PDB file of N, CA and C in Angstrom:
ATOM      1  N   MET A   1      10.791  -3.867   8.867  1.00  0.00           N
ATOM      2  CA  MET A   1      10.930  -5.303   8.674  1.00  0.00           C
ATOM      3  C   MET A   1      10.242  -6.016   9.829  1.00  0.00           C
ATOM      4  N   PRO A   2       9.441  -7.023   9.519  1.00  0.00           N
ATOM      5  CA  PRO A   2       8.704  -7.714  10.584  1.00  0.00           C
ATOM      6  C   PRO A   2       9.634  -8.465  11.525  1.00  0.00           C
ATOM      7  N   ALA A   3       9.226  -8.545  12.782  1.00  0.00           N
ATOM      8  CA  ALA A   3      10.002  -9.289  13.772  1.00  0.00           C
ATOM      9  C   ALA A   3       9.993 -10.778  13.446  1.00  0.00           C
ATOM     10  N   ILE A   4       8.904 -11.271  12.924  1.00  0.00           N
ATOM     11  CA  ILE A   4       8.828 -12.671  12.511  1.00  0.00           C
ATOM     12  C   ILE A   4       9.148 -12.713  11.021  1.00  0.00           C
ATOM     13  N   ALA A   5      10.258 -13.327  10.697  1.00  0.00           N
ATOM     14  CA  ALA A   5      10.758 -13.347   9.322  1.00  0.00           C
ATOM     15  C   ALA A   5       9.832 -14.110   8.387  1.00  0.00           C
ATOM     16  N   SER A   6       9.942 -13.769   7.134  1.00  0.00           N
ATOM     17  CA  SER A   6       9.181 -14.452   6.102  1.00  0.00           C
ATOM     18  C   SER A   6       9.743 -15.856   5.888  1.00  0.00           C
ATOM     19  N   PRO A   7       8.886 -16.827   5.607  1.00  0.00           N
ATOM     20  CA  PRO A   7       9.363 -18.173   5.297  1.00  0.00           C
ATOM     21  C   PRO A   7       9.758 -18.347   3.835  1.00  0.00           C
ATOM     22  N   CYS A   8       9.756 -17.259   3.071  1.00  0.00           N
ATOM     23  CA  CYS A   8      10.069 -17.332   1.647  1.00  0.00           C
ATOM     24  C   CYS A   8      11.439 -17.956   1.420  1.00  0.00           C
ATOM     25  N   VAL A   9      11.506 -18.886   0.459  1.00  0.00           N
ATOM     26  CA  VAL A   9      12.773 -19.511   0.092  1.00  0.00           C
ATOM     27  C   VAL A   9      13.157 -19.163  -1.347  1.00  0.00           C
ATOM     28  N   GLY A  10      12.445 -18.215  -1.937  1.00  0.00           N
ATOM     29  CA  GLY A  10      12.771 -17.772  -3.285  1.00  0.00           C
ATOM     30  C   GLY A  10      12.279 -18.680  -4.388  1.00  0.00           C
ATOM     31  N   ILE A  11      11.395 -19.615  -4.071  1.00  0.00           N
ATOM     32  CA  ILE A  11      10.796 -20.514  -5.064  1.00  0.00           C
ATOM     33  C   ILE A  11       9.296 -20.303  -4.987  1.00  0.00           C
ATOM     34  N   CYS A  12       8.779 -19.413  -5.804  1.00  0.00           N
ATOM     35  CA  CYS A  12       7.349 -19.114  -5.778  1.00  0.00           C
ATOM     36  C   CYS A  12       6.676 -19.846  -6.924  1.00  0.00           C
ATOM     37  N   ARG A  13       5.943 -20.891  -6.579  1.00  0.00           N
ATOM     38  CA  ARG A  13       5.288 -21.698  -7.608  1.00  0.00           C
ATOM     39  C   ARG A  13       4.026 -22.307  -7.039  1.00  0.00           C
ATOM     40  N   PHE A  14       2.946 -22.105  -7.732  1.00  0.00           N
ATOM     41  CA  PHE A  14       1.669 -22.693  -7.356  1.00  0.00           C
ATOM     42  C   PHE A  14       1.263 -23.679  -8.438  1.00  0.00           C
ATOM     43  N   GLY A  15       0.574 -24.719  -8.040  1.00  0.00           N
ATOM     44  CA  GLY A  15       0.111 -25.675  -9.028  1.00  0.00           C
ATOM     45  C   GLY A  15      -0.310 -26.963  -8.365  1.00  0.00           C
ATOM     46  N   GLY A  16      -0.848 -27.848  -9.160  1.00  0.00           N
ATOM     47  CA  GLY A  16      -1.294 -29.125  -8.627  1.00  0.00           C
ATOM     48  C   GLY A  16      -2.622 -28.985  -7.911  1.00  0.00           C
ATOM     49  N   SER A  17      -2.846 -29.852  -6.954  1.00  0.00           N
ATOM     50  CA  SER A  17      -4.140 -29.896  -6.275  1.00  0.00           C
ATOM     51  C   SER A  17      -4.170 -29.071  -4.990  1.00  0.00           C
ATOM     52  N   SER A  18      -3.145 -28.280  -4.746  1.00  0.00           N
ATOM     53  CA  SER A  18      -3.055 -27.523  -3.509  1.00  0.00           C
ATOM     54  C   SER A  18      -3.084 -26.023  -3.778  1.00  0.00           C
ATOM     55  N   ASP A  19      -3.505 -25.265  -2.793  1.00  0.00           N
ATOM     56  CA  ASP A  19      -3.476 -23.809  -2.877  1.00  0.00           C
ATOM     57  C   ASP A  19      -2.223 -23.237  -2.236  1.00  0.00           C
ATOM     58  N   TYR A  20      -1.255 -24.086  -1.918  1.00  0.00           N
ATOM     59  CA  TYR A  20      -0.041 -23.658  -1.232  1.00  0.00           C
ATOM     60  C   TYR A  20       1.110 -23.466  -2.205  1.00  0.00           C
ATOM     61  N   CYS A  21       1.954 -22.482  -1.912  1.00  0.00           N
ATOM     62  CA  CYS A  21       3.181 -22.270  -2.666  1.00  0.00           C
ATOM     63  C   CYS A  21       4.072 -23.495  -2.468  1.00  0.00           C
ATOM     64  N   LEU A  22       4.652 -23.992  -3.545  1.00  0.00           N
ATOM     65  CA  LEU A  22       5.497 -25.174  -3.467  1.00  0.00           C
ATOM     66  C   LEU A  22       6.871 -24.865  -2.878  1.00  0.00           C
ATOM     67  N   GLY A  23       7.167 -23.583  -2.668  1.00  0.00           N
ATOM     68  CA  GLY A  23       8.423 -23.202  -2.042  1.00  0.00           C
ATOM     69  C   GLY A  23       8.301 -23.082  -0.536  1.00  0.00           C
ATOM     70  N   CYS A  24       7.360 -22.254  -0.083  1.00  0.00           N
ATOM     71  CA  CYS A  24       7.276 -21.958   1.354  1.00  0.00           C
ATOM     72  C   CYS A  24       6.040 -22.538   2.040  1.00  0.00           C
ATOM     73  N   GLY A  25       5.040 -22.919   1.271  1.00  0.00           N
ATOM     74  CA  GLY A  25       3.848 -23.504   1.867  1.00  0.00           C
ATOM     75  C   GLY A  25       2.742 -22.521   2.211  1.00  0.00           C
ATOM     76  N   ARG A  26       2.936 -21.246   1.871  1.00  0.00           N
ATOM     77  CA  ARG A  26       1.886 -20.267   2.165  1.00  0.00           C
ATOM     78  C   ARG A  26       0.887 -20.170   1.029  1.00  0.00           C
ATOM     79  N   THR A  27      -0.298 -19.640   1.333  1.00  0.00           N
ATOM     80  CA  THR A  27      -1.297 -19.381   0.304  1.00  0.00           C
ATOM     81  C   THR A  27      -0.944 -18.070  -0.396  1.00  0.00           C
ATOM     82  N   ALA A  28      -1.545 -17.834  -1.559  1.00  0.00           N
ATOM     83  CA  ALA A  28      -1.313 -16.581  -2.280  1.00  0.00           C
ATOM     84  C   ALA A  28      -1.738 -15.390  -1.423  1.00  0.00           C
ATOM     85  N   GLU A  29      -2.825 -15.547  -0.698  1.00  0.00           N
ATOM     86  CA  GLU A  29      -3.293 -14.461   0.175  1.00  0.00           C
ATOM     87  C   GLU A  29      -2.279 -14.178   1.281  1.00  0.00           C
ATOM     88  N   GLU A  30      -1.736 -15.225   1.878  1.00  0.00           N
ATOM     89  CA  GLU A  30      -0.730 -15.035   2.931  1.00  0.00           C
ATOM     90  C   GLU A  30       0.524 -14.370   2.373  1.00  0.00           C
ATOM     91  N   LEU A  31       0.912 -14.763   1.173  1.00  0.00           N
ATOM     92  CA  LEU A  31       2.068 -14.139   0.532  1.00  0.00           C
ATOM     93  C   LEU A  31       1.842 -12.649   0.326  1.00  0.00           C
ATOM     94  N   SER A  32       0.705 -12.295  -0.223  1.00  0.00           N
ATOM     95  CA  SER A  32       0.452 -10.893  -0.537  1.00  0.00           C
ATOM     96  C   SER A  32       0.209 -10.040   0.706  1.00  0.00           C
ATOM     97  N   ASN A  33      -0.267 -10.639   1.775  1.00  0.00           N
ATOM     98  CA  ASN A  33      -0.564  -9.876   2.988  1.00  0.00           C
ATOM     99  C   ASN A  33       0.526  -9.935   4.049  1.00  0.00           C
ATOM    100  N   TRP A  34       1.606 -10.661   3.803  1.00  0.00           N
ATOM    101  CA  TRP A  34       2.619 -10.894   4.830  1.00  0.00           C
ATOM    102  C   TRP A  34       3.102  -9.593   5.482  1.00  0.00           C
ATOM    103  N   GLY A  35       3.374  -8.589   4.699  1.00  0.00           N
ATOM    104  CA  GLY A  35       3.909  -7.336   5.221  1.00  0.00           C
ATOM    105  C   GLY A  35       2.968  -6.575   6.124  1.00  0.00           C
ATOM    106  N   THR A  36       1.674  -6.831   6.006  1.00  0.00           N
ATOM    107  CA  THR A  36       0.704  -6.100   6.826  1.00  0.00           C
ATOM    108  C   THR A  36       0.068  -6.967   7.913  1.00  0.00           C
ATOM    109  N   MET A  37       0.449  -8.220   7.981  1.00  0.00           N
ATOM    110  CA  MET A  37      -0.107  -9.123   9.002  1.00  0.00           C
ATOM    111  C   MET A  37       0.409  -8.753  10.387  1.00  0.00           C
ATOM    112  N   ALA A  38      -0.423  -8.989  11.375  1.00  0.00           N
ATOM    113  CA  ALA A  38       0.005  -8.859  12.766  1.00  0.00           C
ATOM    114  C   ALA A  38       0.980  -9.993  13.085  1.00  0.00           C
ATOM    115  N   GLU A  39       1.836  -9.765  14.067  1.00  0.00           N
ATOM    116  CA  GLU A  39       2.802 -10.791  14.464  1.00  0.00           C
ATOM    117  C   GLU A  39       2.104 -12.111  14.792  1.00  0.00           C
ATOM    118  N   SER A  40       0.962 -12.043  15.465  1.00  0.00           N
ATOM    119  CA  SER A  40       0.244 -13.266  15.836  1.00  0.00           C
ATOM    120  C   SER A  40      -0.237 -14.022  14.597  1.00  0.00           C
ATOM    121  N   GLN A  41      -0.634 -13.280  13.558  1.00  0.00           N
ATOM    122  CA  GLN A  41      -1.059 -13.929  12.316  1.00  0.00           C
ATOM    123  C   GLN A  41       0.125 -14.614  11.630  1.00  0.00           C
ATOM    124  N   ARG A  42       1.272 -13.920  11.594  1.00  0.00           N
ATOM    125  CA  ARG A  42       2.466 -14.520  10.990  1.00  0.00           C
ATOM    126  C   ARG A  42       2.864 -15.786  11.738  1.00  0.00           C
ATOM    127  N   GLN A  43       2.781 -15.729  13.063  1.00  0.00           N
ATOM    128  CA  GLN A  43       3.155 -16.899  13.859  1.00  0.00           C
ATOM    129  C   GLN A  43       2.231 -18.074  13.582  1.00  0.00           C
ATOM    130  N   ARG A  44       0.942 -17.817  13.416  1.00  0.00           N
ATOM    131  CA  ARG A  44      -0.008 -18.894  13.083  1.00  0.00           C
ATOM    132  C   ARG A  44       0.345 -19.531  11.741  1.00  0.00           C
ATOM    133  N   VAL A  45       0.732 -18.696  10.779  1.00  0.00           N
ATOM    134  CA  VAL A  45       1.134 -19.239   9.474  1.00  0.00           C
ATOM    135  C   VAL A  45       2.366 -20.129   9.655  1.00  0.00           C
ATOM    136  N   TRP A  46       3.387 -19.605  10.351  1.00  0.00           N
ATOM    137  CA  TRP A  46       4.600 -20.394  10.595  1.00  0.00           C
ATOM    138  C   TRP A  46       4.272 -21.719  11.280  1.00  0.00           C
ATOM    139  N   ASP A  47       3.396 -21.671  12.268  1.00  0.00           N
ATOM    140  CA  ASP A  47       3.032 -22.883  13.004  1.00  0.00           C
ATOM    141  C   ASP A  47       2.389 -23.936  12.104  1.00  0.00           C
ATOM    142  N   GLY A  48       1.686 -23.504  11.067  1.00  0.00           N
ATOM    143  CA  GLY A  48       1.007 -24.434  10.167  1.00  0.00           C
ATOM    144  C   GLY A  48       1.861 -24.939   9.022  1.00  0.00           C
ATOM    145  N   LEU A  49       3.035 -24.331   8.804  1.00  0.00           N
ATOM    146  CA  LEU A  49       3.847 -24.703   7.641  1.00  0.00           C
ATOM    147  C   LEU A  49       4.353 -26.140   7.641  1.00  0.00           C
ATOM    148  N   PRO A  50       4.804 -26.701   8.761  1.00  0.00           N
ATOM    149  CA  PRO A  50       5.269 -28.096   8.693  1.00  0.00           C
ATOM    150  C   PRO A  50       4.211 -29.062   8.156  1.00  0.00           C
ATOM    151  N   ALA A  51       2.983 -28.908   8.587  1.00  0.00           N
ATOM    152  CA  ALA A  51       1.910 -29.797   8.107  1.00  0.00           C
ATOM    153  C   ALA A  51       1.621 -29.549   6.634  1.00  0.00           C
ATOM    154  N   ARG A  52       1.625 -28.290   6.227  1.00  0.00           N
ATOM    155  CA  ARG A  52       1.371 -27.972   4.817  1.00  0.00           C
ATOM    156  C   ARG A  52       2.468 -28.550   3.930  1.00  0.00           C
ATOM    157  N   LEU A  53       3.713 -28.350   4.320  1.00  0.00           N
ATOM    158  CA  LEU A  53       4.820 -28.852   3.513  1.00  0.00           C
ATOM    159  C   LEU A  53       4.799 -30.372   3.455  1.00  0.00           C
ATOM    160  N   ALA A  54       4.438 -31.013   4.560  1.00  0.00           N
ATOM    161  CA  ALA A  54       4.313 -32.477   4.566  1.00  0.00           C
ATOM    162  C   ALA A  54       3.210 -32.909   3.603  1.00  0.00           C
ATOM    163  N   GLU A  55       2.108 -32.165   3.583  1.00  0.00           N
ATOM    164  CA  GLU A  55       1.000 -32.460   2.663  1.00  0.00           C
ATOM    165  C   GLU A  55       1.476 -32.361   1.214  1.00  0.00           C
ATOM    166  N   LEU A  56       2.377 -31.420   0.953  1.00  0.00           N
ATOM    167  CA  LEU A  56       2.914 -31.243  -0.397  1.00  0.00           C
ATOM    168  C   LEU A  56       4.032 -32.238  -0.714  1.00  0.00           C
ATOM    169  N   GLY A  57       4.468 -32.994   0.301  1.00  0.00           N
ATOM    170  CA  GLY A  57       5.554 -33.949   0.110  1.00  0.00           C
ATOM    171  C   GLY A  57       6.921 -33.286   0.103  1.00  0.00           C
ATOM    172  N   ILE A  58       7.014 -32.111   0.720  1.00  0.00           N
ATOM    173  CA  ILE A  58       8.273 -31.365   0.751  1.00  0.00           C
ATOM    174  C   ILE A  58       8.917 -31.547   2.119  1.00  0.00           C
ATOM    175  N   VAL A  59      10.171 -31.974   2.111  1.00  0.00           N
ATOM    176  CA  VAL A  59      10.912 -32.168   3.347  1.00  0.00           C
ATOM    177  C   VAL A  59      11.981 -31.084   3.427  1.00  0.00           C
ATOM    178  N   VAL A  60      11.985 -30.364   4.514  1.00  0.00           N
ATOM    179  CA  VAL A  60      12.961 -29.296   4.724  1.00  0.00           C
ATOM    180  C   VAL A  60      13.785 -29.651   5.950  1.00  0.00           C
ATOM    181  N   SER A  61      15.095 -29.519   5.807  1.00  0.00           N
ATOM    182  CA  SER A  61      15.950 -29.774   6.964  1.00  0.00           C
ATOM    183  C   SER A  61      17.073 -28.751   6.998  1.00  0.00           C
ATOM    184  N   LEU A  62      17.450 -28.377   8.188  1.00  0.00           N
ATOM    185  CA  LEU A  62      18.535 -27.441   8.395  1.00  0.00           C
ATOM    186  C   LEU A  62      19.844 -28.215   8.385  1.00  0.00           C
ATOM    187  N   LEU A  63      20.744 -27.809   7.500  1.00  0.00           N
ATOM    188  CA  LEU A  63      22.032 -28.487   7.436  1.00  0.00           C
ATOM    189  C   LEU A  63      22.894 -28.072   8.621  1.00  0.00           C
ATOM    190  N   PRO A  64      23.504 -29.028   9.299  1.00  0.00           N
ATOM    191  CA  PRO A  64      24.305 -28.716  10.483  1.00  0.00           C
ATOM    192  C   PRO A  64      25.721 -28.290  10.110  1.00  0.00           C
ATOM    193  N   TRP A  65      25.846 -27.348   9.185  1.00  0.00           N
ATOM    194  CA  TRP A  65      27.150 -26.914   8.726  1.00  0.00           C
ATOM    195  C   TRP A  65      27.686 -25.788   9.596  1.00  0.00           C
ATOM    196  N   PRO A  66      28.973 -25.836   9.914  1.00  0.00           N
ATOM    197  CA  PRO A  66      29.578 -24.686  10.590  1.00  0.00           C
ATOM    198  C   PRO A  66      29.733 -23.539   9.587  1.00  0.00           C
ATOM    199  N   GLU A  67      29.887 -22.344  10.093  1.00  0.00           N
ATOM    200  CA  GLU A  67      29.945 -21.155   9.237  1.00  0.00           C
ATOM    201  C   GLU A  67      31.000 -21.278   8.140  1.00  0.00           C
ATOM    202  N   ILE A  68      32.168 -21.803   8.437  1.00  0.00           N
ATOM    203  CA  ILE A  68      33.234 -21.901   7.443  1.00  0.00           C
ATOM    204  C   ILE A  68      32.829 -22.801   6.273  1.00  0.00           C
ATOM    205  N   ASP A  69      32.093 -23.869   6.549  1.00  0.00           N
ATOM    206  CA  ASP A  69      31.625 -24.754   5.477  1.00  0.00           C
ATOM    207  C   ASP A  69      30.577 -24.069   4.608  1.00  0.00           C
ATOM    208  N   ILE A  70      29.727 -23.277   5.224  1.00  0.00           N
ATOM    209  CA  ILE A  70      28.714 -22.530   4.460  1.00  0.00           C
ATOM    210  C   ILE A  70      29.401 -21.530   3.544  1.00  0.00           C
ATOM    211  N   LEU A  71      30.357 -20.772   4.085  1.00  0.00           N
ATOM    212  CA  LEU A  71      31.081 -19.787   3.277  1.00  0.00           C
ATOM    213  C   LEU A  71      31.828 -20.456   2.129  1.00  0.00           C
ATOM    214  N   ASP A  72      32.440 -21.600   2.397  1.00  0.00           N
ATOM    215  CA  ASP A  72      33.155 -22.344   1.359  1.00  0.00           C
ATOM    216  C   ASP A  72      32.191 -22.789   0.267  1.00  0.00           C
ATOM    217  N   TYR A  73      31.043 -23.311   0.656  1.00  0.00           N
ATOM    218  CA  TYR A  73      30.047 -23.778  -0.319  1.00  0.00           C
ATOM    219  C   TYR A  73      29.555 -22.620  -1.189  1.00  0.00           C
ATOM    220  N   VAL A  74      29.240 -21.497  -0.551  1.00  0.00           N
ATOM    221  CA  VAL A  74      28.752 -20.336  -1.294  1.00  0.00           C
ATOM    222  C   VAL A  74      29.809 -19.865  -2.284  1.00  0.00           C
ATOM    223  N   GLU A  75      31.040 -19.716  -1.821  1.00  0.00           N
ATOM    224  CA  GLU A  75      32.107 -19.258  -2.708  1.00  0.00           C
ATOM    225  C   GLU A  75      32.320 -20.227  -3.875  1.00  0.00           C
ATOM    226  N   ARG A  76      32.382 -21.504  -3.569  1.00  0.00           N
ATOM    227  CA  ARG A  76      32.622 -22.522  -4.600  1.00  0.00           C
ATOM    228  C   ARG A  76      31.509 -22.543  -5.641  1.00  0.00           C
ATOM    229  N   THR A  77      30.265 -22.499  -5.208  1.00  0.00           N
ATOM    230  CA  THR A  77      29.159 -22.587  -6.163  1.00  0.00           C
ATOM    231  C   THR A  77      29.000 -21.303  -6.969  1.00  0.00           C
ATOM    232  N   LEU A  78      29.317 -20.167  -6.371  1.00  0.00           N
ATOM    233  CA  LEU A  78      29.254 -18.923  -7.132  1.00  0.00           C
ATOM    234  C   LEU A  78      30.362 -18.869  -8.187  1.00  0.00           C
ATOM    235  N   ARG A  79      31.561 -19.288  -7.803  1.00  0.00           N
ATOM    236  CA  ARG A  79      32.690 -19.261  -8.747  1.00  0.00           C
ATOM    237  C   ARG A  79      32.493 -20.222  -9.911  1.00  0.00           C
ATOM    238  N   SER A  80      31.912 -21.362  -9.660  1.00  0.00           N
ATOM    239  CA  SER A  80      31.766 -22.380 -10.712  1.00  0.00           C
ATOM    240  C   SER A  80      30.411 -22.306 -11.417  1.00  0.00           C
ATOM    241  N   SER A  81      29.561 -21.357 -11.008  1.00  0.00           N
ATOM    242  CA  SER A  81      28.213 -21.189 -11.578  1.00  0.00           C
ATOM    243  C   SER A  81      27.343 -22.420 -11.365  1.00  0.00           C
ATOM    244  N   GLU A  82      27.558 -23.124 -10.260  1.00  0.00           N
ATOM    245  CA  GLU A  82      26.703 -24.257  -9.896  1.00  0.00           C
ATOM    246  C   GLU A  82      25.536 -23.727  -9.081  1.00  0.00           C
ATOM    247  N   GLY A  83      24.370 -24.226  -9.317  1.00  0.00           N
ATOM    248  CA  GLY A  83      23.222 -23.851  -8.500  1.00  0.00           C
ATOM    249  C   GLY A  83      22.673 -22.481  -8.863  1.00  0.00           C
ATOM    250  N   THR A  84      21.650 -22.101  -8.137  1.00  0.00           N
ATOM    251  CA  THR A  84      20.981 -20.823  -8.330  1.00  0.00           C
ATOM    252  C   THR A  84      20.915 -20.112  -6.997  1.00  0.00           C
ATOM    253  N   TRP A  85      21.233 -18.844  -7.008  1.00  0.00           N
ATOM    254  CA  TRP A  85      21.213 -18.055  -5.783  1.00  0.00           C
ATOM    255  C   TRP A  85      20.232 -16.911  -5.937  1.00  0.00           C
ATOM    256  N   VAL A  86      19.434 -16.667  -4.896  1.00  0.00           N
ATOM    257  CA  VAL A  86      18.479 -15.575  -4.884  1.00  0.00           C
ATOM    258  C   VAL A  86      18.787 -14.711  -3.670  1.00  0.00           C
ATOM    259  N   PHE A  87      19.021 -13.442  -3.911  1.00  0.00           N
ATOM    260  CA  PHE A  87      19.306 -12.514  -2.823  1.00  0.00           C
ATOM    261  C   PHE A  87      18.251 -11.411  -2.818  1.00  0.00           C
ATOM    262  N   GLY A  88      17.954 -10.904  -1.653  1.00  0.00           N
ATOM    263  CA  GLY A  88      17.042  -9.774  -1.539  1.00  0.00           C
ATOM    264  C   GLY A  88      15.576 -10.142  -1.610  1.00  0.00           C
ATOM    265  N   VAL A  89      15.257 -11.411  -1.420  1.00  0.00           N
ATOM    266  CA  VAL A  89      13.858 -11.838  -1.443  1.00  0.00           C
ATOM    267  C   VAL A  89      13.228 -11.506  -0.097  1.00  0.00           C
ATOM    268  N   TYR A  90      12.119 -10.796  -0.122  1.00  0.00           N
ATOM    269  CA  TYR A  90      11.414 -10.483   1.110  1.00  0.00           C
ATOM    270  C   TYR A  90       9.936 -10.645   0.860  1.00  0.00           C
ATOM    271  N   GLY A  91       9.273 -11.290   1.756  1.00  0.00           N
ATOM    272  CA  GLY A  91       7.821 -11.393   1.620  1.00  0.00           C
ATOM    273  C   GLY A  91       7.400 -12.789   1.660  1.00  0.00           C
TER     274      GLY A  91
END
């Protein structure tokens, strides 16, 4: 497993006027080569993602939830079948 984690969010979709994935902001080439990229290459991709996502009009923010609130949300949404959950996504 790479030391620099994948930016994948489990939404792989290309389209429109951009060559970037609408989920993570990477190109198809970056997606397919992620596992074999050098750490420095992965870091360059990560460094460029905020600008790419802004270009796509995608705003990402980290929710300031404490662990107990996250666990409660996960349990509640899984029990009530609200939302979509993706586990085991790598790349």
